[in-house]
Amino acid sequence: MNKNGNPFKKTAIDSAGLFTKIINLKAVPETILVNSGGKVILRHQGNLSSKNIEEIKKWSFLVKGCT
């Protein structure tokens, strides 16, 4: 994110690991795009690259408030 910036409106840290267990996280890092209704729109496992960020931006229109 230092190199490419933060394309997200909100980010979260799960230091207690609770969310990790709920969603059955298998890879670190994992990026999850969630709409305003709580529905997971996209899950990306692994590091973000410029290509990944562009793909995430294509889906962000489904999330209210994202550009």
PDB file of N, CA and C in Angstrom:
ATOM      1  N   MET A   1       0.818  -1.176   0.000  1.00  0.00           N
ATOM      2  CA  MET A   1       0.000   0.000   0.000  1.00  0.00           C
ATOM      3  C   MET A   1       0.868   1.247   0.000  1.00  0.00           C
ATOM      4  N   ASN A   2       2.076   1.145   0.490  1.00  0.00           N
ATOM      5  CA  ASN A   2       2.966   2.305   0.426  1.00  0.00           C
ATOM      6  C   ASN A   2       3.248   2.684  -1.017  1.00  0.00           C
ATOM      7  N   LYS A   3       3.429   1.693  -1.859  1.00  0.00           N
ATOM      8  CA  LYS A   3       3.766   1.938  -3.262  1.00  0.00           C
ATOM      9  C   LYS A   3       2.559   2.364  -4.088  1.00  0.00           C
ATOM     10  N   ASN A   4       1.422   1.662  -3.915  1.00  0.00           N
ATOM     11  CA  ASN A   4       0.265   1.878  -4.775  1.00  0.00           C
ATOM     12  C   ASN A   4      -0.851   2.701  -4.148  1.00  0.00           C
ATOM     13  N   GLY A   5      -0.732   3.027  -2.873  1.00  0.00           N
ATOM     14  CA  GLY A   5      -1.788   3.765  -2.204  1.00  0.00           C
ATOM     15  C   GLY A   5      -2.877   2.836  -1.681  1.00  0.00           C
ATOM     16  N   ASN A   6      -3.836   3.393  -0.991  1.00  0.00           N
ATOM     17  CA  ASN A   6      -4.934   2.627  -0.414  1.00  0.00           C
ATOM     18  C   ASN A   6      -6.197   2.886  -1.223  1.00  0.00           C
ATOM     19  N   PRO A   7      -6.674   1.878  -1.988  1.00  0.00           N
ATOM     20  CA  PRO A   7      -7.866   2.087  -2.804  1.00  0.00           C
ATOM     21  C   PRO A   7      -9.172   1.910  -2.022  1.00  0.00           C
ATOM     22  N   PHE A   8      -9.094   1.692  -0.723  1.00  0.00           N
ATOM     23  CA  PHE A   8     -10.262   1.361   0.072  1.00  0.00           C
ATOM     24  C   PHE A   8     -10.737   2.532   0.921  1.00  0.00           C
ATOM     25  N   LYS A   9     -12.037   2.578   1.173  1.00  0.00           N
ATOM     26  CA  LYS A   9     -12.622   3.591   2.052  1.00  0.00           C
ATOM     27  C   LYS A   9     -12.389   3.226   3.506  1.00  0.00           C
ATOM     28  N   LYS A  10     -12.474   1.918   3.836  1.00  0.00           N
ATOM     29  CA  LYS A  10     -12.278   1.447   5.205  1.00  0.00           C
ATOM     30  C   LYS A  10     -11.418   0.194   5.183  1.00  0.00           C
ATOM     31  N   THR A  11     -10.602   0.055   6.192  1.00  0.00           N
ATOM     32  CA  THR A  11      -9.817  -1.157   6.383  1.00  0.00           C
ATOM     33  C   THR A  11      -9.990  -1.602   7.832  1.00  0.00           C
ATOM     34  N   ALA A  12      -9.688  -2.870   8.082  1.00  0.00           N
ATOM     35  CA  ALA A  12      -9.843  -3.396   9.437  1.00  0.00           C
ATOM     36  C   ALA A  12      -8.673  -4.306   9.775  1.00  0.00           C
ATOM     37  N   ILE A  13      -8.379  -4.400  11.051  1.00  0.00           N
ATOM     38  CA  ILE A  13      -7.353  -5.307  11.560  1.00  0.00           C
ATOM     39  C   ILE A  13      -8.026  -6.235  12.559  1.00  0.00           C
ATOM     40  N   ASP A  14      -7.769  -7.534  12.410  1.00  0.00           N
ATOM     41  CA  ASP A  14      -8.370  -8.548  13.279  1.00  0.00           C
ATOM     42  C   ASP A  14      -7.288  -9.134  14.181  1.00  0.00           C
ATOM     43  N   SER A  15      -6.801  -8.335  15.118  1.00  0.00           N
ATOM     44  CA  SER A  15      -5.680  -8.778  15.956  1.00  0.00           C
ATOM     45  C   SER A  15      -6.052  -9.937  16.877  1.00  0.00           C
ATOM     46  N   ALA A  16      -7.327 -10.096  17.214  1.00  0.00           N
ATOM     47  CA  ALA A  16      -7.760 -11.208  18.069  1.00  0.00           C
ATOM     48  C   ALA A  16      -8.006 -12.487  17.269  1.00  0.00           C
ATOM     49  N   GLY A  17      -8.110 -12.368  15.936  1.00  0.00           N
ATOM     50  CA  GLY A  17      -8.306 -13.543  15.091  1.00  0.00           C
ATOM     51  C   GLY A  17      -9.736 -14.042  15.006  1.00  0.00           C
ATOM     52  N   LEU A  18     -10.699 -13.308  15.547  1.00  0.00           N
ATOM     53  CA  LEU A  18     -12.089 -13.752  15.535  1.00  0.00           C
ATOM     54  C   LEU A  18     -12.660 -13.788  14.113  1.00  0.00           C
ATOM     55  N   PHE A  19     -12.511 -12.703  13.387  1.00  0.00           N
ATOM     56  CA  PHE A  19     -13.026 -12.641  12.013  1.00  0.00           C
ATOM     57  C   PHE A  19     -12.354 -13.690  11.142  1.00  0.00           C
ATOM     58  N   THR A  20     -11.076 -13.913  11.378  1.00  0.00           N
ATOM     59  CA  THR A  20     -10.314 -14.920  10.641  1.00  0.00           C
ATOM     60  C   THR A  20     -10.973 -16.290  10.757  1.00  0.00           C
ATOM     61  N   LYS A  21     -11.412 -16.648  11.948  1.00  0.00           N
ATOM     62  CA  LYS A  21     -12.082 -17.938  12.174  1.00  0.00           C
ATOM     63  C   LYS A  21     -13.464 -17.959  11.539  1.00  0.00           C
ATOM     64  N   ILE A  22     -14.195 -16.867  11.637  1.00  0.00           N
ATOM     65  CA  ILE A  22     -15.552 -16.805  11.095  1.00  0.00           C
ATOM     66  C   ILE A  22     -15.561 -17.012   9.584  1.00  0.00           C
ATOM     67  N   ILE A  23     -14.621 -16.397   8.885  1.00  0.00           N
ATOM     68  CA  ILE A  23     -14.615 -16.485   7.423  1.00  0.00           C
ATOM     69  C   ILE A  23     -13.725 -17.603   6.891  1.00  0.00           C
ATOM     70  N   ASN A  24     -13.130 -18.374   7.791  1.00  0.00           N
ATOM     71  CA  ASN A  24     -12.265 -19.486   7.392  1.00  0.00           C
ATOM     72  C   ASN A  24     -11.097 -19.003   6.527  1.00  0.00           C
ATOM     73  N   LEU A  25     -10.384 -18.003   7.026  1.00  0.00           N
ATOM     74  CA  LEU A  25      -9.242 -17.427   6.325  1.00  0.00           C
ATOM     75  C   LEU A  25      -8.164 -18.476   6.118  1.00  0.00           C
ATOM     76  N   LYS A  26      -7.665 -18.570   4.891  1.00  0.00           N
ATOM     77  CA  LYS A  26      -6.656 -19.563   4.565  1.00  0.00           C
ATOM     78  C   LYS A  26      -5.317 -18.961   4.145  1.00  0.00           C
ATOM     79  N   ALA A  27      -5.317 -17.713   3.739  1.00  0.00           N
ATOM     80  CA  ALA A  27      -4.090 -17.081   3.271  1.00  0.00           C
ATOM     81  C   ALA A  27      -3.942 -15.705   3.902  1.00  0.00           C
ATOM     82  N   VAL A  28      -2.708 -15.323   4.136  1.00  0.00           N
ATOM     83  CA  VAL A  28      -2.416 -13.997   4.661  1.00  0.00           C
ATOM     84  C   VAL A  28      -1.436 -13.348   3.709  1.00  0.00           C
ATOM     85  N   PRO A  29      -1.656 -12.158   3.255  1.00  0.00           N
ATOM     86  CA  PRO A  29      -2.825 -11.327   3.534  1.00  0.00           C
ATOM     87  C   PRO A  29      -4.009 -11.727   2.657  1.00  0.00           C
ATOM     88  N   GLU A  30      -5.193 -11.307   3.055  1.00  0.00           N
ATOM     89  CA  GLU A  30      -6.401 -11.511   2.257  1.00  0.00           C
ATOM     90  C   GLU A  30      -7.181 -10.206   2.231  1.00  0.00           C
ATOM     91  N   THR A  31      -7.637  -9.833   1.047  1.00  0.00           N
ATOM     92  CA  THR A  31      -8.426  -8.627   0.857  1.00  0.00           C
ATOM     93  C   THR A  31      -9.861  -9.056   0.596  1.00  0.00           C
ATOM     94  N   ILE A  32     -10.789  -8.470   1.329  1.00  0.00           N
ATOM     95  CA  ILE A  32     -12.198  -8.826   1.207  1.00  0.00           C
ATOM     96  C   ILE A  32     -12.988  -7.555   0.934  1.00  0.00           C
ATOM     97  N   LEU A  33     -13.744  -7.561  -0.145  1.00  0.00           N
ATOM     98  CA  LEU A  33     -14.589  -6.426  -0.504  1.00  0.00           C
ATOM     99  C   LEU A  33     -16.016  -6.784  -0.103  1.00  0.00           C
ATOM    100  N   VAL A  34     -16.618  -5.955   0.773  1.00  0.00           N
ATOM    101  CA  VAL A  34     -17.944  -6.226   1.334  1.00  0.00           C
ATOM    102  C   VAL A  34     -18.863  -5.063   1.009  1.00  0.00           C
ATOM    103  N   ASN A  35     -20.090  -5.371   0.544  1.00  0.00           N
ATOM    104  CA  ASN A  35     -21.019  -4.274   0.248  1.00  0.00           C
ATOM    105  C   ASN A  35     -21.719  -3.799   1.510  1.00  0.00           C
ATOM    106  N   SER A  36     -22.543  -2.763   1.379  1.00  0.00           N
ATOM    107  CA  SER A  36     -23.194  -2.169   2.553  1.00  0.00           C
ATOM    108  C   SER A  36     -24.182  -3.116   3.221  1.00  0.00           C
ATOM    109  N   GLY A  37     -24.617  -4.153   2.510  1.00  0.00           N
ATOM    110  CA  GLY A  37     -25.512  -5.148   3.087  1.00  0.00           C
ATOM    111  C   GLY A  37     -24.781  -6.286   3.776  1.00  0.00           C
ATOM    112  N   GLY A  38     -23.442  -6.222   3.790  1.00  0.00           N
ATOM    113  CA  GLY A  38     -22.645  -7.253   4.445  1.00  0.00           C
ATOM    114  C   GLY A  38     -22.302  -8.439   3.558  1.00  0.00           C
ATOM    115  N   LYS A  39     -22.649  -8.375   2.273  1.00  0.00           N
ATOM    116  CA  LYS A  39     -22.351  -9.462   1.347  1.00  0.00           C
ATOM    117  C   LYS A  39     -20.917  -9.331   0.822  1.00  0.00           C
ATOM    118  N   VAL A  40     -20.192 -10.443   0.856  1.00  0.00           N
ATOM    119  CA  VAL A  40     -18.830 -10.457   0.316  1.00  0.00           C
ATOM    120  C   VAL A  40     -18.926 -10.427  -1.205  1.00  0.00           C
ATOM    121  N   ILE A  41     -18.316  -9.414  -1.802  1.00  0.00           N
ATOM    122  CA  ILE A  41     -18.331  -9.226  -3.248  1.00  0.00           C
ATOM    123  C   ILE A  41     -17.095  -9.851  -3.892  1.00  0.00           C
ATOM    124  N   LEU A  42     -15.961  -9.759  -3.199  1.00  0.00           N
ATOM    125  CA  LEU A  42     -14.711 -10.248  -3.764  1.00  0.00           C
ATOM    126  C   LEU A  42     -13.761 -10.640  -2.643  1.00  0.00           C
ATOM    127  N   ARG A  43     -13.051 -11.744  -2.837  1.00  0.00           N
ATOM    128  CA  ARG A  43     -11.977 -12.150  -1.908  1.00  0.00           C
ATOM    129  C   ARG A  43     -10.722 -12.360  -2.740  1.00  0.00           C
ATOM    130  N   HIS A  44      -9.651 -11.716  -2.314  1.00  0.00           N
ATOM    131  CA  HIS A  44      -8.355 -11.886  -2.982  1.00  0.00           C
ATOM    132  C   HIS A  44      -7.352 -12.372  -1.951  1.00  0.00           C
ATOM    133  N   GLN A  45      -6.780 -13.556  -2.194  1.00  0.00           N
ATOM    134  CA  GLN A  45      -5.772 -14.098  -1.291  1.00  0.00           C
ATOM    135  C   GLN A  45      -4.393 -13.776  -1.834  1.00  0.00           C
ATOM    136  N   GLY A  46      -3.551 -13.234  -0.964  1.00  0.00           N
ATOM    137  CA  GLY A  46      -2.178 -12.916  -1.344  1.00  0.00           C
ATOM    138  C   GLY A  46      -1.918 -11.429  -1.405  1.00  0.00           C
ATOM    139  N   ASN A  47      -0.694 -11.107  -1.780  1.00  0.00           N
ATOM    140  CA  ASN A  47      -0.274  -9.709  -1.856  1.00  0.00           C
ATOM    141  C   ASN A  47      -1.005  -8.970  -2.963  1.00  0.00           C
ATOM    142  N   LEU A  48      -1.175  -7.680  -2.764  1.00  0.00           N
ATOM    143  CA  LEU A  48      -1.783  -6.838  -3.788  1.00  0.00           C
ATOM    144  C   LEU A  48      -0.715  -6.300  -4.725  1.00  0.00           C
ATOM    145  N   SER A  49      -1.046  -6.276  -5.999  1.00  0.00           N
ATOM    146  CA  SER A  49      -0.181  -5.675  -7.006  1.00  0.00           C
ATOM    147  C   SER A  49      -1.010  -4.633  -7.757  1.00  0.00           C
ATOM    148  N   SER A  50      -0.392  -3.913  -8.647  1.00  0.00           N
ATOM    149  CA  SER A  50      -1.127  -2.929  -9.443  1.00  0.00           C
ATOM    150  C   SER A  50      -2.258  -3.603 -10.207  1.00  0.00           C
ATOM    151  N   LYS A  51      -2.003  -4.790 -10.746  1.00  0.00           N
ATOM    152  CA  LYS A  51      -3.018  -5.536 -11.494  1.00  0.00           C
ATOM    153  C   LYS A  51      -4.187  -5.916 -10.577  1.00  0.00           C
ATOM    154  N   ASN A  52      -3.890  -6.417  -9.369  1.00  0.00           N
ATOM    155  CA  ASN A  52      -4.932  -6.790  -8.418  1.00  0.00           C
ATOM    156  C   ASN A  52      -5.777  -5.587  -8.032  1.00  0.00           C
ATOM    157  N   ILE A  53      -5.132  -4.472  -7.805  1.00  0.00           N
ATOM    158  CA  ILE A  53      -5.841  -3.260  -7.387  1.00  0.00           C
ATOM    159  C   ILE A  53      -6.800  -2.810  -8.483  1.00  0.00           C
ATOM    160  N   GLU A  54      -6.381  -2.894  -9.730  1.00  0.00           N
ATOM    161  CA  GLU A  54      -7.270  -2.527 -10.831  1.00  0.00           C
ATOM    162  C   GLU A  54      -8.475  -3.457 -10.896  1.00  0.00           C
ATOM    163  N   GLU A  55      -8.281  -4.734 -10.639  1.00  0.00           N
ATOM    164  CA  GLU A  55      -9.385  -5.693 -10.612  1.00  0.00           C
ATOM    165  C   GLU A  55     -10.349  -5.372  -9.471  1.00  0.00           C
ATOM    166  N   ILE A  56      -9.813  -5.057  -8.317  1.00  0.00           N
ATOM    167  CA  ILE A  56     -10.650  -4.699  -7.166  1.00  0.00           C
ATOM    168  C   ILE A  56     -11.452  -3.432  -7.467  1.00  0.00           C
ATOM    169  N   LYS A  57     -10.832  -2.466  -8.102  1.00  0.00           N
ATOM    170  CA  LYS A  57     -11.541  -1.232  -8.451  1.00  0.00           C
ATOM    171  C   LYS A  57     -12.715  -1.510  -9.389  1.00  0.00           C
ATOM    172  N   LYS A  58     -12.592  -2.518 -10.263  1.00  0.00           N
ATOM    173  CA  LYS A  58     -13.684  -2.875 -11.173  1.00  0.00           C
ATOM    174  C   LYS A  58     -14.908  -3.353 -10.400  1.00  0.00           C
ATOM    175  N   TRP A  59     -14.703  -3.984  -9.259  1.00  0.00           N
ATOM    176  CA  TRP A  59     -15.796  -4.505  -8.442  1.00  0.00           C
ATOM    177  C   TRP A  59     -16.298  -3.487  -7.432  1.00  0.00           C
ATOM    178  N   SER A  60     -15.572  -2.425  -7.184  1.00  0.00           N
ATOM    179  CA  SER A  60     -15.917  -1.503  -6.099  1.00  0.00           C
ATOM    180  C   SER A  60     -17.229  -0.760  -6.336  1.00  0.00           C
ATOM    181  N   PHE A  61     -17.719  -0.720  -7.579  1.00  0.00           N
ATOM    182  CA  PHE A  61     -18.996  -0.061  -7.830  1.00  0.00           C
ATOM    183  C   PHE A  61     -20.139  -0.759  -7.103  1.00  0.00           C
ATOM    184  N   LEU A  62     -19.957  -2.020  -6.725  1.00  0.00           N
ATOM    185  CA  LEU A  62     -20.993  -2.756  -6.005  1.00  0.00           C
ATOM    186  C   LEU A  62     -21.042  -2.410  -4.526  1.00  0.00           C
ATOM    187  N   VAL A  63     -20.041  -1.674  -4.061  1.00  0.00           N
ATOM    188  CA  VAL A  63     -19.972  -1.303  -2.658  1.00  0.00           C
ATOM    189  C   VAL A  63     -20.377   0.167  -2.539  1.00  0.00           C
ATOM    190  N   LYS A  64     -21.464   0.422  -1.835  1.00  0.00           N
ATOM    191  CA  LYS A  64     -21.965   1.794  -1.684  1.00  0.00           C
ATOM    192  C   LYS A  64     -20.892   2.686  -1.080  1.00  0.00           C
ATOM    193  N   GLY A  65     -20.617   3.794  -1.735  1.00  0.00           N
ATOM    194  CA  GLY A  65     -19.661   4.754  -1.206  1.00  0.00           C
ATOM    195  C   GLY A  65     -18.260   4.575  -1.749  1.00  0.00           C
ATOM    196  N   CYS A  66     -17.978   3.487  -2.468  1.00  0.00           N
ATOM    197  CA  CYS A  66     -16.636   3.300  -3.035  1.00  0.00           C
ATOM    198  C   CYS A  66     -16.568   3.960  -4.394  1.00  0.00           C
ATOM    199  N   THR A  67     -15.375   4.385  -4.755  1.00  0.00           N
ATOM    200  CA  THR A  67     -15.176   4.984  -6.064  1.00  0.00           C
ATOM    201  C   THR A  67     -14.326   4.097  -6.928  1.00  0.00           C
TER     202      THR A  67
END
